[in-house]
Amino acid sequence: MKEYMQRYKFNGDYRLRVVFQREFSKVVNERKADLIVPIPVTSTTMQTRGFNQVIGLLREVPYQAILRTKISSKVAQSSKTKEERLATKQPFILDAPEKVINKKVLLVDDVYTTGRTLYHAANLFKQAGCKEIGSVSLAR
């Protein structure tokens, strides 16, 4: 998985999305959520990489991109230590929070490392009145 992520995510080999796309999308769809929300990348990452690796894994999965990053961090999560990741402040903004009231939301990410990213995202949804929040990650 480390080599896969290096090539797909960090080297930008977008073609590799198909390796796990079918099975990952199947797992996501089986969760029966009202809203499927991929974890976003920063605008800097999008400009550099050209794609959101999480969205690339979602094949024929209807998702809502209602979560976005506040400001591009100068330091990527992948280069932070565990302690630095755990100390990270809320990096997200929830667009259209009215869409999540009393909804079952499934957050989708590529890698679960410390859980801090999903914690921050789930916290926003909970504050907005989401009924249930779950998550699926490709790797841990």
Protein backbone atom coordinates (compact mmCIF):
# COMPACT_ATOMS: atom_id res chain seq x y z
CA MET A 1 0.00 0.00 0.00
CA LYS A 2 2.88 2.33 0.75
CA GLU A 3 4.23 1.92 -2.79
CA TYR A 4 0.73 2.21 -4.27
CA MET A 5 0.04 5.47 -2.39
CA GLN A 6 3.45 6.83 -3.34
CA ARG A 7 2.78 6.27 -7.02
CA TYR A 8 -0.94 7.15 -7.08
CA LYS A 9 -1.11 10.00 -4.62
CA PHE A 10 2.33 11.56 -4.48
CA ASN A 11 3.67 10.83 -7.97
CA GLY A 12 0.29 11.62 -9.53
CA ASP A 13 -0.21 8.37 -11.44
CA TYR A 14 -3.98 8.85 -11.80
CA ARG A 15 -4.35 5.64 -13.81
CA LEU A 16 -3.74 3.66 -10.61
CA ARG A 17 -7.15 4.71 -9.27
CA VAL A 18 -8.67 1.74 -11.11
CA VAL A 19 -6.72 -0.79 -8.99
CA PHE A 20 -9.10 -0.38 -6.02
CA GLN A 21 -11.88 1.67 -7.59
CA ARG A 22 -14.43 -1.08 -8.16
CA GLU A 23 -14.14 -2.77 -4.75
CA PHE A 24 -13.79 0.48 -2.82
CA SER A 25 -16.86 1.96 -4.54
CA LYS A 26 -18.80 -1.21 -3.76
CA VAL A 27 -17.96 -0.92 -0.05
CA VAL A 28 -18.93 2.76 -0.02
CA ASN A 29 -22.26 2.09 -1.76
CA GLU A 30 -23.09 -0.76 0.62
CA ARG A 31 -23.04 1.62 3.58
CA LYS A 32 -26.40 3.12 2.51
CA ALA A 33 -25.72 6.73 3.48
CA ASP A 34 -27.87 9.73 2.61
CA LEU A 35 -24.74 11.67 1.68
CA ILE A 36 -21.30 10.43 0.70
CA VAL A 37 -18.68 13.08 1.34
CA PRO A 38 -15.05 12.70 0.21
CA ILE A 39 -12.32 14.32 2.27
CA PRO A 40 -11.06 17.27 0.21
CA VAL A 41 -7.51 18.17 -0.71
CA THR A 42 -6.13 21.67 -0.33
CA SER A 43 -6.15 24.04 -3.27
CA THR A 44 -2.35 23.82 -3.33
CA THR A 45 -2.51 20.04 -3.56
CA MET A 46 -5.14 20.23 -6.29
CA GLN A 47 -2.96 22.61 -8.31
CA THR A 48 0.12 20.45 -7.82
CA ARG A 49 -1.41 16.99 -8.20
CA GLY A 50 -4.32 17.85 -10.46
CA PHE A 51 -6.82 15.52 -8.77
CA ASN A 52 -8.34 14.53 -5.45
CA GLN A 53 -7.16 10.97 -4.83
CA VAL A 54 -10.27 10.12 -2.79
CA ILE A 55 -12.68 11.19 -5.52
CA GLY A 56 -10.57 9.23 -8.00
CA LEU A 57 -11.36 6.06 -6.04
CA LEU A 58 -15.13 6.62 -6.27
CA ARG A 59 -16.43 4.97 -9.43
CA GLU A 60 -20.06 5.70 -10.20
CA VAL A 61 -20.63 6.75 -6.60
CA PRO A 62 -22.81 9.84 -6.17
CA TYR A 63 -20.95 12.07 -3.73
CA GLN A 64 -21.40 15.56 -2.36
CA ALA A 65 -18.27 17.74 -2.26
CA ILE A 66 -19.64 19.91 0.57
CA LEU A 67 -16.49 19.82 2.66
CA ARG A 68 -13.56 22.04 1.79
CA THR A 69 -10.30 23.10 3.34
CA LYS A 70 -10.01 26.52 4.97
CA ILE A 71 -6.55 27.58 3.89
CA SER A 72 -3.82 25.58 2.26
CA SER A 73 -1.36 24.39 4.84
CA LYS A 74 2.28 24.87 4.03
CA VAL A 75 2.98 21.41 5.46
CA ALA A 76 1.26 18.31 4.07
CA GLN A 77 -0.35 15.94 6.58
CA SER A 78 1.79 13.11 5.20
CA SER A 79 4.96 14.88 6.29
CA LYS A 80 3.79 15.60 9.85
CA THR A 81 4.61 13.52 12.90
CA LYS A 82 1.84 11.83 14.88
CA GLU A 83 2.03 14.56 17.51
CA GLU A 84 1.81 17.30 14.88
CA ARG A 85 -1.20 15.61 13.27
CA LEU A 86 -2.99 15.29 16.59
CA ALA A 87 -2.40 18.98 17.31
CA THR A 88 -3.88 20.09 13.98
CA LYS A 89 -6.69 22.61 14.33
CA GLN A 90 -9.99 22.37 12.39
CA PRO A 91 -8.94 22.52 8.71
CA PHE A 92 -12.41 22.23 7.14
CA ILE A 93 -15.45 24.30 6.31
CA LEU A 94 -18.83 22.69 5.71
CA ASP A 95 -20.65 24.24 2.76
CA ALA A 96 -24.45 24.07 2.86
CA PRO A 97 -24.73 22.70 6.41
CA GLU A 98 -28.51 22.61 6.01
CA LYS A 99 -28.04 19.62 3.66
CA VAL A 100 -26.84 17.39 6.50
CA ILE A 101 -29.54 17.98 9.12
CA ASN A 102 -30.95 14.60 10.22
CA LYS A 103 -28.96 12.82 7.49
CA LYS A 104 -26.73 9.76 7.60
CA VAL A 105 -23.34 10.87 6.28
CA LEU A 106 -20.47 8.68 5.16
CA LEU A 107 -17.04 10.34 5.10
CA VAL A 108 -14.62 8.81 2.62
CA ASP A 109 -10.84 9.05 2.82
CA ASP A 110 -7.89 7.26 1.29
CA VAL A 111 -5.70 6.67 4.36
CA TYR A 112 -6.60 6.57 8.06
CA THR A 113 -3.45 7.39 10.01
CA THR A 114 -4.28 9.03 13.34
CA GLY A 115 -7.98 9.62 12.71
CA ARG A 116 -7.60 13.36 13.18
CA THR A 117 -8.79 14.26 9.67
CA LEU A 118 -11.98 12.25 10.07
CA TYR A 119 -12.42 13.57 13.62
CA HIS A 120 -12.40 17.17 12.36
CA ALA A 121 -14.78 16.43 9.50
CA ALA A 122 -17.18 14.45 11.70
CA ASN A 123 -17.18 17.22 14.27
CA LEU A 124 -18.43 19.74 11.69
CA PHE A 125 -21.21 17.41 10.58
CA LYS A 126 -22.23 16.72 14.16
CA GLN A 127 -22.40 20.46 14.92
CA ALA A 128 -24.60 20.93 11.83
CA GLY A 129 -27.16 18.42 13.09
CA CYS A 130 -26.19 15.27 11.23
CA LYS A 131 -28.09 12.20 12.47
CA GLU A 132 -25.33 9.63 11.92
CA ILE A 133 -21.73 9.82 10.76
CA GLY A 134 -19.64 6.93 9.50
CA SER A 135 -16.40 6.62 7.58
CA VAL A 136 -14.64 4.39 5.09
CA SER A 137 -10.93 4.52 4.29
CA LEU A 138 -8.99 2.54 1.73
CA ALA A 139 -6.00 1.91 3.99
CA ARG A 140 -4.89 2.23 7.55
